[in-house]
Amino acid sequence: MISPLPGATPLAAGSCTLPILRFGDAMPKTRSGKVVRRLLRSVAKGEAISQDTSTVDNPAVISQFADSI
């Protein structure tokens, strides 16, 4: 069976279906190890981080994601 071309799918489904991937050294996590998704959501929207970041284990990771946008 011949598989469809990988480049043909976005044209048929639209470019909004393609995910935008960001890579970093680590995920922003709390001291207990939970990923702080609210901060990632704000960075993805392009908003300034105005939430409390005192629970984040390594705040430098947040700026790394923000700088990649």
PDB file of N, CA and C in Angstrom:
ATOM      1  N   MET A   1       0.840  -1.172   0.000  1.00  0.00           N
ATOM      2  CA  MET A   1       0.000   0.000   0.000  1.00  0.00           C
ATOM      3  C   MET A   1       0.892   1.245   0.000  1.00  0.00           C
ATOM      4  N   ILE A   2       0.533   2.211  -0.775  1.00  0.00           N
ATOM      5  CA  ILE A   2       1.299   3.450  -0.854  1.00  0.00           C
ATOM      6  C   ILE A   2       0.696   4.455   0.121  1.00  0.00           C
ATOM      7  N   SER A   3       1.543   5.013   0.971  1.00  0.00           N
ATOM      8  CA  SER A   3       1.038   5.996   1.931  1.00  0.00           C
ATOM      9  C   SER A   3       0.996   7.376   1.290  1.00  0.00           C
ATOM     10  N   PRO A   4       0.084   8.246   1.758  1.00  0.00           N
ATOM     11  CA  PRO A   4       0.004   9.587   1.184  1.00  0.00           C
ATOM     12  C   PRO A   4       1.238  10.414   1.551  1.00  0.00           C
ATOM     13  N   LEU A   5       1.498  11.424   0.780  1.00  0.00           N
ATOM     14  CA  LEU A   5       2.635  12.297   1.043  1.00  0.00           C
ATOM     15  C   LEU A   5       2.422  13.075   2.332  1.00  0.00           C
ATOM     16  N   PRO A   6       3.455  13.181   3.160  1.00  0.00           N
ATOM     17  CA  PRO A   6       3.295  13.929   4.410  1.00  0.00           C
ATOM     18  C   PRO A   6       2.940  15.393   4.181  1.00  0.00           C
ATOM     19  N   GLY A   7       3.405  15.990   3.103  1.00  0.00           N
ATOM     20  CA  GLY A   7       3.118  17.387   2.831  1.00  0.00           C
ATOM     21  C   GLY A   7       1.714  17.640   2.320  1.00  0.00           C
ATOM     22  N   ALA A   8       1.004  16.597   1.904  1.00  0.00           N
ATOM     23  CA  ALA A   8      -0.332  16.781   1.355  1.00  0.00           C
ATOM     24  C   ALA A   8      -1.381  16.952   2.436  1.00  0.00           C
ATOM     25  N   THR A   9      -1.153  16.446   3.621  1.00  0.00           N
ATOM     26  CA  THR A   9      -2.135  16.513   4.693  1.00  0.00           C
ATOM     27  C   THR A   9      -2.441  17.936   5.137  1.00  0.00           C
ATOM     28  N   PRO A  10      -1.450  18.813   5.368  1.00  0.00           N
ATOM     29  CA  PRO A  10      -1.792  20.167   5.788  1.00  0.00           C
ATOM     30  C   PRO A  10      -2.601  20.943   4.754  1.00  0.00           C
ATOM     31  N   LEU A  11      -2.365  20.685   3.491  1.00  0.00           N
ATOM     32  CA  LEU A  11      -3.118  21.390   2.472  1.00  0.00           C
ATOM     33  C   LEU A  11      -4.585  20.987   2.492  1.00  0.00           C
ATOM     34  N   ALA A  12      -4.852  19.716   2.745  1.00  0.00           N
ATOM     35  CA  ALA A  12      -6.222  19.239   2.759  1.00  0.00           C
ATOM     36  C   ALA A  12      -6.933  19.619   4.055  1.00  0.00           C
ATOM     37  N   ALA A  13      -6.238  19.568   5.185  1.00  0.00           N
ATOM     38  CA  ALA A  13      -6.870  19.819   6.479  1.00  0.00           C
ATOM     39  C   ALA A  13      -6.708  21.258   6.943  1.00  0.00           C
ATOM     40  N   GLY A  14      -5.791  22.005   6.373  1.00  0.00           N
ATOM     41  CA  GLY A  14      -5.557  23.382   6.789  1.00  0.00           C
ATOM     42  C   GLY A  14      -4.340  23.478   7.679  1.00  0.00           C
ATOM     43  N   SER A  15      -3.705  24.626   7.659  1.00  0.00           N
ATOM     44  CA  SER A  15      -2.476  24.784   8.431  1.00  0.00           C
ATOM     45  C   SER A  15      -2.735  24.889   9.924  1.00  0.00           C
ATOM     46  N   CYS A  16      -3.987  25.121  10.321  1.00  0.00           N
ATOM     47  CA  CYS A  16      -4.275  25.229  11.759  1.00  0.00           C
ATOM     48  C   CYS A  16      -4.170  23.880  12.461  1.00  0.00           C
ATOM     49  N   THR A  17      -4.086  22.794  11.710  1.00  0.00           N
ATOM     50  CA  THR A  17      -3.992  21.477  12.324  1.00  0.00           C
ATOM     51  C   THR A  17      -2.563  21.100  12.680  1.00  0.00           C
ATOM     52  N   LEU A  18      -1.602  21.900  12.221  1.00  0.00           N
ATOM     53  CA  LEU A  18      -0.210  21.582  12.511  1.00  0.00           C
ATOM     54  C   LEU A  18       0.178  22.133  13.881  1.00  0.00           C
ATOM     55  N   PRO A  19       0.713  21.302  14.761  1.00  0.00           N
ATOM     56  CA  PRO A  19       1.120  21.801  16.075  1.00  0.00           C
ATOM     57  C   PRO A  19       2.416  22.599  15.989  1.00  0.00           C
ATOM     58  N   ILE A  20       2.565  23.530  16.881  1.00  0.00           N
ATOM     59  CA  ILE A  20       3.810  24.281  17.001  1.00  0.00           C
ATOM     60  C   ILE A  20       4.549  23.715  18.194  1.00  0.00           C
ATOM     61  N   LEU A  21       5.710  23.158  17.942  1.00  0.00           N
ATOM     62  CA  LEU A  21       6.478  22.513  19.004  1.00  0.00           C
ATOM     63  C   LEU A  21       7.577  23.431  19.505  1.00  0.00           C
ATOM     64  N   ARG A  22       7.744  23.453  20.792  1.00  0.00           N
ATOM     65  CA  ARG A  22       8.833  24.197  21.433  1.00  0.00           C
ATOM     66  C   ARG A  22       9.627  23.202  22.266  1.00  0.00           C
ATOM     67  N   PHE A  23      10.937  23.292  22.178  1.00  0.00           N
ATOM     68  CA  PHE A  23      11.788  22.402  22.944  1.00  0.00           C
ATOM     69  C   PHE A  23      12.600  23.216  23.936  1.00  0.00           C
ATOM     70  N   GLY A  24      12.781  22.661  25.107  1.00  0.00           N
ATOM     71  CA  GLY A  24      13.576  23.317  26.134  1.00  0.00           C
ATOM     72  C   GLY A  24      14.362  22.277  26.908  1.00  0.00           C
ATOM     73  N   ASP A  25      15.174  22.762  27.819  1.00  0.00           N
ATOM     74  CA  ASP A  25      15.977  21.848  28.633  1.00  0.00           C
ATOM     75  C   ASP A  25      15.123  21.082  29.636  1.00  0.00           C
ATOM     76  N   ALA A  26      14.067  21.717  30.118  1.00  0.00           N
ATOM     77  CA  ALA A  26      13.196  21.086  31.114  1.00  0.00           C
ATOM     78  C   ALA A  26      11.827  21.736  31.048  1.00  0.00           C
ATOM     79  N   MET A  27      10.867  21.157  31.718  1.00  0.00           N
ATOM     80  CA  MET A  27       9.534  21.737  31.827  1.00  0.00           C
ATOM     81  C   MET A  27       9.474  22.523  33.132  1.00  0.00           C
ATOM     82  N   PRO A  28       8.684  23.617  33.165  1.00  0.00           N
ATOM     83  CA  PRO A  28       8.537  24.328  34.434  1.00  0.00           C
ATOM     84  C   PRO A  28       7.708  23.481  35.399  1.00  0.00           C
ATOM     85  N   LYS A  29       8.320  23.083  36.478  1.00  0.00           N
ATOM     86  CA  LYS A  29       7.662  22.206  37.444  1.00  0.00           C
ATOM     87  C   LYS A  29       7.682  22.830  38.825  1.00  0.00           C
ATOM     88  N   THR A  30       6.709  22.410  39.629  1.00  0.00           N
ATOM     89  CA  THR A  30       6.696  22.824  41.025  1.00  0.00           C
ATOM     90  C   THR A  30       7.723  22.006  41.785  1.00  0.00           C
ATOM     91  N   ARG A  31       7.931  22.341  43.014  1.00  0.00           N
ATOM     92  CA  ARG A  31       8.906  21.593  43.823  1.00  0.00           C
ATOM     93  C   ARG A  31       8.483  20.145  44.037  1.00  0.00           C
ATOM     94  N   SER A  32       7.165  19.887  43.915  1.00  0.00           N
ATOM     95  CA  SER A  32       6.688  18.513  44.066  1.00  0.00           C
ATOM     96  C   SER A  32       6.724  17.746  42.744  1.00  0.00           C
ATOM     97  N   GLY A  33       7.108  18.408  41.645  1.00  0.00           N
ATOM     98  CA  GLY A  33       7.278  17.712  40.375  1.00  0.00           C
ATOM     99  C   GLY A  33       6.133  17.849  39.396  1.00  0.00           C
ATOM    100  N   LYS A  34       5.119  18.658  39.717  1.00  0.00           N
ATOM    101  CA  LYS A  34       3.995  18.832  38.795  1.00  0.00           C
ATOM    102  C   LYS A  34       4.330  19.908  37.760  1.00  0.00           C
ATOM    103  N   VAL A  35       3.935  19.676  36.520  1.00  0.00           N
ATOM    104  CA  VAL A  35       4.180  20.639  35.454  1.00  0.00           C
ATOM    105  C   VAL A  35       3.216  21.812  35.635  1.00  0.00           C
ATOM    106  N   VAL A  36       3.739  23.021  35.531  1.00  0.00           N
ATOM    107  CA  VAL A  36       2.931  24.222  35.711  1.00  0.00           C
ATOM    108  C   VAL A  36       2.370  24.618  34.343  1.00  0.00           C
ATOM    109  N   ARG A  37       1.215  24.033  34.015  1.00  0.00           N
ATOM    110  CA  ARG A  37       0.614  24.233  32.696  1.00  0.00           C
ATOM    111  C   ARG A  37       0.085  25.644  32.503  1.00  0.00           C
ATOM    112  N   ARG A  38      -0.331  26.310  33.568  1.00  0.00           N
ATOM    113  CA  ARG A  38      -0.882  27.659  33.425  1.00  0.00           C
ATOM    114  C   ARG A  38       0.184  28.631  32.911  1.00  0.00           C
ATOM    115  N   LEU A  39       1.430  28.422  33.313  1.00  0.00           N
ATOM    116  CA  LEU A  39       2.504  29.276  32.826  1.00  0.00           C
ATOM    117  C   LEU A  39       2.817  28.986  31.364  1.00  0.00           C
ATOM    118  N   LEU A  40       2.808  27.716  31.006  1.00  0.00           N
ATOM    119  CA  LEU A  40       3.039  27.352  29.604  1.00  0.00           C
ATOM    120  C   LEU A  40       1.939  27.906  28.705  1.00  0.00           C
ATOM    121  N   ARG A  41       0.706  27.876  29.203  1.00  0.00           N
ATOM    122  CA  ARG A  41      -0.419  28.409  28.447  1.00  0.00           C
ATOM    123  C   ARG A  41      -0.251  29.908  28.213  1.00  0.00           C
ATOM    124  N   SER A  42       0.179  30.635  29.237  1.00  0.00           N
ATOM    125  CA  SER A  42       0.390  32.080  29.100  1.00  0.00           C
ATOM    126  C   SER A  42       1.505  32.389  28.118  1.00  0.00           C
ATOM    127  N   VAL A  43       2.571  31.610  28.173  1.00  0.00           N
ATOM    128  CA  VAL A  43       3.691  31.811  27.246  1.00  0.00           C
ATOM    129  C   VAL A  43       3.238  31.527  25.817  1.00  0.00           C
ATOM    130  N   ALA A  44       2.445  30.488  25.619  1.00  0.00           N
ATOM    131  CA  ALA A  44       1.973  30.134  24.281  1.00  0.00           C
ATOM    132  C   ALA A  44       1.068  31.208  23.702  1.00  0.00           C
ATOM    133  N   LYS A  45       0.293  31.876  24.553  1.00  0.00           N
ATOM    134  CA  LYS A  45      -0.586  32.952  24.095  1.00  0.00           C
ATOM    135  C   LYS A  45       0.165  34.255  23.860  1.00  0.00           C
ATOM    136  N   GLY A  46       1.418  34.312  24.294  1.00  0.00           N
ATOM    137  CA  GLY A  46       2.202  35.527  24.139  1.00  0.00           C
ATOM    138  C   GLY A  46       1.953  36.546  25.225  1.00  0.00           C
ATOM    139  N   GLU A  47       1.325  36.123  26.317  1.00  0.00           N
ATOM    140  CA  GLU A  47       1.026  37.022  27.426  1.00  0.00           C
ATOM    141  C   GLU A  47       2.237  37.161  28.340  1.00  0.00           C
ATOM    142  N   ALA A  48       2.295  38.276  29.029  1.00  0.00           N
ATOM    143  CA  ALA A  48       3.334  38.466  30.039  1.00  0.00           C
ATOM    144  C   ALA A  48       3.002  37.600  31.246  1.00  0.00           C
ATOM    145  N   ILE A  49       4.016  37.066  31.888  1.00  0.00           N
ATOM    146  CA  ILE A  49       3.800  36.212  33.051  1.00  0.00           C
ATOM    147  C   ILE A  49       3.477  37.108  34.246  1.00  0.00           C
ATOM    148  N   SER A  50       2.223  37.100  34.647  1.00  0.00           N
ATOM    149  CA  SER A  50       1.804  37.905  35.793  1.00  0.00           C
ATOM    150  C   SER A  50       1.370  37.030  36.962  1.00  0.00           C
ATOM    151  N   GLN A  51       1.385  35.711  36.771  1.00  0.00           N
ATOM    152  CA  GLN A  51       0.984  34.804  37.836  1.00  0.00           C
ATOM    153  C   GLN A  51       2.118  34.619  38.838  1.00  0.00           C
ATOM    154  N   ASP A  52       1.777  33.980  39.919  1.00  0.00           N
ATOM    155  CA  ASP A  52       2.742  33.678  40.970  1.00  0.00           C
ATOM    156  C   ASP A  52       3.689  32.582  40.486  1.00  0.00           C
ATOM    157  N   THR A  53       4.976  32.879  40.462  1.00  0.00           N
ATOM    158  CA  THR A  53       5.972  31.898  40.026  1.00  0.00           C
ATOM    159  C   THR A  53       6.828  31.416  41.195  1.00  0.00           C
ATOM    160  N   SER A  54       6.403  31.706  42.417  1.00  0.00           N
ATOM    161  CA  SER A  54       7.206  31.311  43.577  1.00  0.00           C
ATOM    162  C   SER A  54       7.225  29.800  43.787  1.00  0.00           C
ATOM    163  N   THR A  55       6.246  29.086  43.229  1.00  0.00           N
ATOM    164  CA  THR A  55       6.201  27.635  43.409  1.00  0.00           C
ATOM    165  C   THR A  55       7.019  26.888  42.361  1.00  0.00           C
ATOM    166  N   VAL A  56       7.508  27.594  41.353  1.00  0.00           N
ATOM    167  CA  VAL A  56       8.282  26.946  40.284  1.00  0.00           C
ATOM    168  C   VAL A  56       9.677  26.636  40.795  1.00  0.00           C
ATOM    169  N   ASP A  57      10.113  25.411  40.546  1.00  0.00           N
ATOM    170  CA  ASP A  57      11.417  24.950  41.025  1.00  0.00           C
ATOM    171  C   ASP A  57      12.563  25.697  40.349  1.00  0.00           C
ATOM    172  N   ASN A  58      12.473  25.903  39.027  1.00  0.00           N
ATOM    173  CA  ASN A  58      13.532  26.574  38.280  1.00  0.00           C
ATOM    174  C   ASN A  58      12.899  27.645  37.379  1.00  0.00           C
ATOM    175  N   PRO A  59      12.783  28.895  37.847  1.00  0.00           N
ATOM    176  CA  PRO A  59      12.126  29.939  37.053  1.00  0.00           C
ATOM    177  C   PRO A  59      12.826  30.261  35.740  1.00  0.00           C
ATOM    178  N   ALA A  60      14.090  29.919  35.592  1.00  0.00           N
ATOM    179  CA  ALA A  60      14.812  30.191  34.345  1.00  0.00           C
ATOM    180  C   ALA A  60      14.222  29.415  33.174  1.00  0.00           C
ATOM    181  N   VAL A  61      13.568  28.296  33.447  1.00  0.00           N
ATOM    182  CA  VAL A  61      12.966  27.487  32.387  1.00  0.00           C
ATOM    183  C   VAL A  61      11.825  28.253  31.729  1.00  0.00           C
ATOM    184  N   ILE A  62      11.081  29.027  32.507  1.00  0.00           N
ATOM    185  CA  ILE A  62       9.966  29.795  31.952  1.00  0.00           C
ATOM    186  C   ILE A  62      10.484  30.828  30.956  1.00  0.00           C
ATOM    187  N   SER A  63      11.543  31.517  31.327  1.00  0.00           N
ATOM    188  CA  SER A  63      12.097  32.526  30.420  1.00  0.00           C
ATOM    189  C   SER A  63      12.667  31.875  29.157  1.00  0.00           C
ATOM    190  N   GLN A  64      13.155  30.660  29.272  1.00  0.00           N
ATOM    191  CA  GLN A  64      13.666  29.952  28.091  1.00  0.00           C
ATOM    192  C   GLN A  64      12.536  29.709  27.088  1.00  0.00           C
ATOM    193  N   PHE A  65      11.361  29.312  27.574  1.00  0.00           N
ATOM    194  CA  PHE A  65      10.224  29.102  26.687  1.00  0.00           C
ATOM    195  C   PHE A  65       9.728  30.436  26.137  1.00  0.00           C
ATOM    196  N   ALA A  66       9.710  31.466  26.956  1.00  0.00           N
ATOM    197  CA  ALA A  66       9.231  32.771  26.514  1.00  0.00           C
ATOM    198  C   ALA A  66      10.153  33.360  25.459  1.00  0.00           C
ATOM    199  N   ASP A  67      11.440  33.141  25.579  1.00  0.00           N
ATOM    200  CA  ASP A  67      12.402  33.666  24.606  1.00  0.00           C
ATOM    201  C   ASP A  67      12.316  32.941  23.263  1.00  0.00           C
ATOM    202  N   SER A  68      11.800  31.710  23.252  1.00  0.00           N
ATOM    203  CA  SER A  68      11.729  30.948  22.011  1.00  0.00           C
ATOM    204  C   SER A  68      10.571  31.388  21.136  1.00  0.00           C
ATOM    205  N   ILE A  69       9.670  32.171  21.683  1.00  0.00           N
ATOM    206  CA  ILE A  69       8.515  32.650  20.914  1.00  0.00           C
ATOM    207  C   ILE A  69       8.921  33.902  20.244  1.00  0.00           C
TER     208      ILE A  69
END
